[in-house]
N, C-alpha and C. Protein backbone atom coordinates (compact mmCIF):
# COMPACT_ATOMS: atom_id res chain seq x y z
N MET A 1 93.48 118.64 88.26
CA MET A 1 94.24 118.20 89.08
C MET A 1 94.68 118.47 90.34
N MET A 2 94.34 119.39 90.73
CA MET A 2 94.02 118.92 92.46
C MET A 2 94.20 117.69 92.80
N ALA A 3 93.23 117.47 92.61
CA ALA A 3 92.37 115.80 93.44
C ALA A 3 93.30 114.71 92.47
N PHE A 4 94.41 114.34 92.00
CA PHE A 4 95.48 113.78 91.38
C PHE A 4 96.21 114.35 92.28
N LEU A 5 97.01 115.70 92.28
CA LEU A 5 97.80 116.14 93.29
C LEU A 5 97.71 115.58 95.52
N THR A 6 96.51 115.17 95.29
CA THR A 6 95.71 114.90 96.62
C THR A 6 96.19 113.77 97.00
N SER A 7 95.51 113.14 95.37
CA SER A 7 95.04 111.48 96.00
C SER A 7 97.04 110.81 96.12
N LEU A 8 97.90 111.55 95.57
CA LEU A 8 99.32 111.44 95.96
C LEU A 8 99.50 110.65 97.41
N ASP A 9 98.80 112.03 98.16
CA ASP A 9 99.23 112.08 99.60
C ASP A 9 98.73 111.13 100.10
N GLU A 10 97.75 110.34 99.76
CA GLU A 10 96.71 109.21 100.56
C GLU A 10 97.59 108.04 99.96
N SER A 11 98.61 107.61 100.67
CA SER A 11 99.04 106.14 100.49
C SER A 11 98.66 105.28 101.28
N VAL A 12 97.50 105.84 102.38
CA VAL A 12 97.35 104.43 103.39
C VAL A 12 96.02 103.43 102.33
N ILE A 13 95.34 104.76 101.93
CA ILE A 13 94.46 104.06 100.81
C ILE A 13 94.90 103.38 100.04
N SER A 14 96.10 103.76 99.19
CA SER A 14 96.40 103.31 97.86
C SER A 14 96.47 101.84 98.45
N ILE A 15 97.47 101.38 99.79
CA ILE A 15 97.72 100.30 100.18
C ILE A 15 96.53 99.46 100.29
N PHE A 16 95.74 100.13 100.75
CA PHE A 16 94.28 99.21 100.90
C PHE A 16 93.44 98.64 99.09
N ILE A 17 93.42 99.85 98.15
CA ILE A 17 93.27 99.10 97.16
C ILE A 17 93.96 98.66 96.06
N ALA A 18 94.92 99.00 96.09
CA ALA A 18 96.81 98.08 95.38
C ALA A 18 96.21 96.76 95.76
N SER A 19 96.55 95.66 94.85
CA SER A 19 96.02 94.38 95.11
C SER A 19 97.01 93.88 93.87
N GLY A 20 97.76 92.69 94.20
CA GLY A 20 98.00 91.72 92.78
C GLY A 20 99.43 92.15 92.43
N ARG A 21 99.25 92.39 90.96
CA ARG A 21 99.86 92.65 90.49
C ARG A 21 100.34 94.52 90.16
N ASN A 22 98.53 94.73 90.48
CA ASN A 22 98.16 96.60 90.28
C ASN A 22 98.88 96.83 91.84
N SER A 23 99.59 98.67 90.87
CA SER A 23 99.87 99.11 92.08
C SER A 23 100.38 101.34 92.32
N THR A 24 99.77 101.20 92.91
CA THR A 24 99.90 102.83 92.32
C THR A 24 100.51 103.22 92.91
N MET A 25 100.95 105.03 92.04
CA MET A 25 101.98 105.42 92.78
C MET A 25 102.42 105.68 93.58
N PRO A 26 101.50 106.02 94.72
CA PRO A 26 101.50 106.21 95.75
C PRO A 26 102.09 104.98 96.81
N LYS A 27 101.82 103.89 96.53
CA LYS A 27 101.66 102.55 97.36
C LYS A 27 103.40 102.37 96.83
N LEU A 28 103.94 102.88 95.61
CA LEU A 28 105.09 102.09 95.33
C LEU A 28 106.12 103.75 95.74
N MET A 29 105.61 104.53 95.81
CA MET A 29 106.60 105.70 96.63
C MET A 29 106.95 105.30 98.33
N PHE A 30 105.65 105.15 99.16
CA PHE A 30 105.49 104.42 100.49
C PHE A 30 106.83 103.81 100.72
N LEU A 31 106.56 102.22 100.01
CA LEU A 31 107.11 100.79 100.28
C LEU A 31 108.97 101.53 99.48
N SER A 32 109.31 101.82 98.51
CA SER A 32 109.92 102.56 98.42
C SER A 32 110.65 103.44 99.58
N LEU A 33 110.35 103.71 99.81
CA LEU A 33 110.79 105.48 101.45
C LEU A 33 110.80 104.06 102.62
N ARG A 34 110.35 103.21 102.88
CA ARG A 34 110.23 102.46 103.94
C ARG A 34 111.37 100.98 103.56
N ASP A 35 111.43 100.77 102.66
CA ASP A 35 112.45 100.07 102.11
C ASP A 35 113.90 99.78 101.29
N GLN A 36 114.35 101.28 101.02
CA GLN A 36 115.69 101.54 100.43
C GLN A 36 115.44 102.66 100.72
N ILE A 37 117.20 103.44 100.33
CA ILE A 37 116.81 104.66 100.50
C ILE A 37 117.51 104.84 99.10
N ASP A 38 116.03 105.27 98.18
CA ASP A 38 116.72 105.47 97.14
C ASP A 38 116.44 107.48 96.22
N PRO A 39 116.94 108.04 95.79
CA PRO A 39 117.10 109.48 95.23
C PRO A 39 115.71 109.41 94.28
N THR A 40 115.05 108.40 93.63
CA THR A 40 114.26 108.49 92.87
C THR A 40 112.54 108.96 93.38
N ILE A 41 112.94 109.02 94.88
CA ILE A 41 111.69 109.64 95.49
C ILE A 41 111.96 110.91 95.63
N ALA A 42 112.91 111.39 95.99
CA ALA A 42 113.52 112.85 96.15
C ALA A 42 113.48 113.50 94.46
N ALA A 43 113.28 113.20 93.44
CA ALA A 43 113.67 113.47 92.16
C ALA A 43 112.15 113.53 91.84
N ILE A 44 111.06 112.76 92.04
CA ILE A 44 109.57 112.91 91.80
C ILE A 44 109.05 114.10 92.66
N SER A 45 108.80 113.83 93.59
CA SER A 45 109.07 115.49 94.68
C SER A 45 109.30 116.74 94.07
N THR A 46 110.57 116.81 93.57
CA THR A 46 111.41 117.96 92.53
C THR A 46 110.68 118.13 91.29
N LEU A 47 110.44 116.92 91.00
CA LEU A 47 109.26 117.40 90.17
C LEU A 47 107.96 117.47 89.86
N TRP A 48 107.74 117.41 90.58
CA TRP A 48 105.87 117.53 90.61
C TRP A 48 106.27 119.64 91.89
N THR A 49 106.92 119.40 92.82
CA THR A 49 106.89 120.97 92.90
C THR A 49 107.52 122.03 91.44
N VAL A 50 108.06 121.60 90.89
CA VAL A 50 108.43 122.46 89.83
C VAL A 50 107.04 122.63 88.85
N ILE A 51 106.43 121.65 88.41
CA ILE A 51 105.37 121.27 87.30
C ILE A 51 104.17 122.26 88.46
N VAL A 52 104.35 122.54 89.64
CA VAL A 52 102.78 123.29 90.32
C VAL A 52 103.23 124.42 90.42
N VAL A 53 104.74 124.73 90.69
CA VAL A 53 104.87 126.16 90.15
C VAL A 53 105.06 126.75 89.57
N ALA A 54 105.78 126.26 88.19
CA ALA A 54 105.01 126.33 86.82
C ALA A 54 103.49 126.57 86.66
N VAL A 55 102.92 125.75 86.44
CA VAL A 55 101.33 126.43 86.18
C VAL A 55 100.98 127.24 87.26
N VAL A 56 101.16 127.36 88.60
CA VAL A 56 100.86 128.82 89.08
C VAL A 56 101.65 130.12 88.24
N LEU A 57 102.57 129.92 87.98
CA LEU A 57 103.37 131.29 87.75
C LEU A 57 102.62 131.26 86.14
N ILE A 58 102.18 130.31 85.38
CA ILE A 58 100.87 130.65 84.73
C ILE A 58 99.75 130.68 84.19
N VAL A 59 99.05 130.58 85.10
CA VAL A 59 97.73 131.54 85.64
C VAL A 59 98.05 132.37 86.49
N THR A 60 99.22 132.71 87.22
CA THR A 60 99.22 134.52 87.90
C THR A 60 99.37 135.41 86.57
N LEU A 61 100.26 134.75 85.07
CA LEU A 61 100.60 135.82 84.58
C LEU A 61 99.33 136.52 83.81
N ARG A 62 98.59 134.97 83.17
CA ARG A 62 97.67 135.19 82.55
C ARG A 62 96.56 136.26 83.33
N GLN A 63 96.64 135.93 84.26
CA GLN A 63 95.85 136.78 84.80
C GLN A 63 95.51 138.17 84.87
N LYS A 64 97.05 138.67 84.99
CA LYS A 64 97.29 139.79 84.61
C LYS A 64 97.52 140.56 83.56
N SER A 65 97.10 139.71 82.47
CA SER A 65 97.07 140.49 81.17
C SER A 65 95.78 140.58 80.53
């Protein structure tokens, strides 16, 4: 999971890897931020933050038991 989250930060590598009709999520996010103002990126970032906080809370509560 950490590797997947880290891969979202690698937009430069994603731009070089993706070609043709294939696009990665970081590439689409980078192009969206560069080309237009859209609240989709903010929504995705908020969703990821909520997911990470939830996972950390679940792991913390399980370790206390």
